Amino acid sequence: PRVEALTQDALDGEPARRPGAPRYFGYTEADLAEEFPVVEELRLTLPGTQEVRDCFTLPCNKSLAWGFHVEAIALWWRRAAGRGGP
């Protein structure tokens, strides 16, 4: 699943495809892990408890990428500056 992050201040309720609508930066957990290997290291240290599994599946499936805000901003910045990623 891709995580969509706003890169402008606010949505106005309309689809982002129309002119003047906010732009998004989509990325995956794999994108973060490629740029920041510690993401995979941290995944391997997560306890295998039901409570932790529930965090990733309830109320819907979520990626570990949701928990890495600074890394997501750094990934966006690197790609926006043309220094990595697609």
C-alpha atoms as a PDB file:
ATOM      1  CA  PRO A   1       0.000   0.000   0.000  1.00  0.00           C
ATOM      2  CA  ARG A   2       1.145   3.523  -0.753  1.00  0.00           C
ATOM      3  CA  VAL A   3       1.084   6.256   1.848  1.00  0.00           C
ATOM      4  CA  GLU A   4      -0.164   9.541   0.450  1.00  0.00           C
ATOM      5  CA  ALA A   5       1.146  12.651   2.142  1.00  0.00           C
ATOM      6  CA  LEU A   6      -0.086  16.187   1.525  1.00  0.00           C
ATOM      7  CA  THR A   7       2.510  18.615   0.271  1.00  0.00           C
ATOM      8  CA  GLN A   8       0.284  21.670   0.483  1.00  0.00           C
ATOM      9  CA  ASP A   9      -1.658  23.101   3.396  1.00  0.00           C
ATOM     10  CA  ALA A  10      -5.180  21.674   3.090  1.00  0.00           C
ATOM     11  CA  LEU A  11      -7.604  19.749   0.953  1.00  0.00           C
ATOM     12  CA  ASP A  12     -10.773  21.501  -0.085  1.00  0.00           C
ATOM     13  CA  GLY A  13     -12.773  18.305  -0.528  1.00  0.00           C
ATOM     14  CA  GLU A  14     -12.218  18.012  -4.288  1.00  0.00           C
ATOM     15  CA  PRO A  15     -10.057  15.382  -6.027  1.00  0.00           C
ATOM     16  CA  ALA A  16      -6.388  16.346  -6.269  1.00  0.00           C
ATOM     17  CA  ARG A  17      -6.479  16.043 -10.081  1.00  0.00           C
ATOM     18  CA  ARG A  18      -8.036  19.412 -10.802  1.00  0.00           C
ATOM     19  CA  PRO A  19      -5.868  22.516 -11.365  1.00  0.00           C
ATOM     20  CA  GLY A  20      -4.813  24.215  -8.156  1.00  0.00           C
ATOM     21  CA  ALA A  21      -5.559  21.155  -6.013  1.00  0.00           C
ATOM     22  CA  PRO A  22      -2.943  19.971  -3.499  1.00  0.00           C
ATOM     23  CA  ARG A  23      -0.225  17.644  -4.742  1.00  0.00           C
ATOM     24  CA  TYR A  24       0.699  14.412  -3.010  1.00  0.00           C
ATOM     25  CA  PHE A  25       3.891  12.472  -2.507  1.00  0.00           C
ATOM     26  CA  GLY A  26       3.254   8.749  -2.517  1.00  0.00           C
ATOM     27  CA  TYR A  27       5.753   6.263  -1.125  1.00  0.00           C
ATOM     28  CA  THR A  28       5.858   2.722   0.177  1.00  0.00           C
ATOM     29  CA  GLU A  29       7.497   1.062   3.133  1.00  0.00           C
ATOM     30  CA  ALA A  30       9.979  -0.424   0.641  1.00  0.00           C
ATOM     31  CA  ASP A  31      10.871   3.095  -0.551  1.00  0.00           C
ATOM     32  CA  LEU A  32      11.655   4.117   3.025  1.00  0.00           C
ATOM     33  CA  ALA A  33      13.623   0.929   3.712  1.00  0.00           C
ATOM     34  CA  GLU A  34      15.711   1.491   0.594  1.00  0.00           C
ATOM     35  CA  GLU A  35      16.722   4.989   1.695  1.00  0.00           C
ATOM     36  CA  PHE A  36      16.771   4.251   5.447  1.00  0.00           C
ATOM     37  CA  PRO A  37      17.869   0.649   6.183  1.00  0.00           C
ATOM     38  CA  VAL A  38      17.034   1.134   9.861  1.00  0.00           C
ATOM     39  CA  VAL A  39      13.332   0.775   8.927  1.00  0.00           C
ATOM     40  CA  GLU A  40      13.802  -2.935   8.218  1.00  0.00           C
ATOM     41  CA  GLU A  41      15.973  -3.327  11.304  1.00  0.00           C
ATOM     42  CA  LEU A  42      13.190  -1.829  13.416  1.00  0.00           C
ATOM     43  CA  ARG A  43      10.577  -4.054  11.770  1.00  0.00           C
ATOM     44  CA  LEU A  44      12.606  -7.094  12.825  1.00  0.00           C
ATOM     45  CA  THR A  45      12.625  -5.904  16.456  1.00  0.00           C
ATOM     46  CA  LEU A  46       8.830  -5.552  16.737  1.00  0.00           C
ATOM     47  CA  PRO A  47       7.342  -7.978  19.251  1.00  0.00           C
ATOM     48  CA  GLY A  48       5.279 -10.755  17.664  1.00  0.00           C
ATOM     49  CA  THR A  49       2.295 -10.099  19.930  1.00  0.00           C
ATOM     50  CA  GLN A  50      -1.327  -9.884  18.828  1.00  0.00           C
ATOM     51  CA  GLU A  51      -1.459  -6.292  20.047  1.00  0.00           C
ATOM     52  CA  VAL A  52       1.350  -5.320  17.651  1.00  0.00           C
ATOM     53  CA  ARG A  53      -0.194  -7.299  14.762  1.00  0.00           C
ATOM     54  CA  ASP A  54      -3.501  -5.525  15.404  1.00  0.00           C
ATOM     55  CA  CYS A  55      -1.765  -2.151  15.034  1.00  0.00           C
ATOM     56  CA  PHE A  56      -0.988  -3.061  11.429  1.00  0.00           C
ATOM     57  CA  THR A  57      -4.347  -4.606  10.558  1.00  0.00           C
ATOM     58  CA  LEU A  58      -7.116  -2.866  12.541  1.00  0.00           C
ATOM     59  CA  PRO A  59      -9.249  -1.149  11.457  1.00  0.00           C
ATOM     60  CA  CYS A  60      -7.463  -1.595   8.107  1.00  0.00           C
ATOM     61  CA  ASN A  61      -4.062  -2.756   6.811  1.00  0.00           C
ATOM     62  CA  LYS A  62      -1.279  -0.257   7.481  1.00  0.00           C
ATOM     63  CA  SER A  63       2.363  -0.044   6.573  1.00  0.00           C
ATOM     64  CA  LEU A  64       5.211   0.502   8.992  1.00  0.00           C
ATOM     65  CA  ALA A  65       5.870   3.614   6.874  1.00  0.00           C
ATOM     66  CA  TRP A  66       3.046   5.381   8.743  1.00  0.00           C
ATOM     67  CA  GLY A  67       5.290   5.628  11.813  1.00  0.00           C
ATOM     68  CA  PHE A  68       8.264   7.318  10.174  1.00  0.00           C
ATOM     69  CA  HIS A  69       7.385  10.973   9.705  1.00  0.00           C
ATOM     70  CA  VAL A  70      10.867  12.483   9.645  1.00  0.00           C
ATOM     71  CA  GLU A  71      12.117   9.829   7.236  1.00  0.00           C
ATOM     72  CA  ALA A  72       9.104  10.390   4.961  1.00  0.00           C
ATOM     73  CA  ILE A  73       9.845  14.116   4.828  1.00  0.00           C
ATOM     74  CA  ALA A  74      13.520  13.396   4.133  1.00  0.00           C
ATOM     75  CA  LEU A  75      12.532  10.965   1.358  1.00  0.00           C
ATOM     76  CA  TRP A  76      10.258  13.604  -0.189  1.00  0.00           C
ATOM     77  CA  TRP A  77      13.016  16.221   0.057  1.00  0.00           C
ATOM     78  CA  ARG A  78      15.627  13.950  -1.533  1.00  0.00           C
ATOM     79  CA  ARG A  79      13.315  13.121  -4.427  1.00  0.00           C
ATOM     80  CA  ALA A  80      12.160  16.726  -4.844  1.00  0.00           C
ATOM     81  CA  ALA A  81      15.810  17.812  -4.959  1.00  0.00           C
ATOM     82  CA  GLY A  82      16.611  15.039  -7.453  1.00  0.00           C
ATOM     83  CA  ARG A  83      18.938  13.202  -5.072  1.00  0.00           C
ATOM     84  CA  GLY A  84      17.457   9.749  -5.053  1.00  0.00           C
ATOM     85  CA  GLY A  85      14.491   7.568  -5.763  1.00  0.00           C
ATOM     86  CA  PRO A  86      12.270   7.517  -8.834  1.00  0.00           C
END
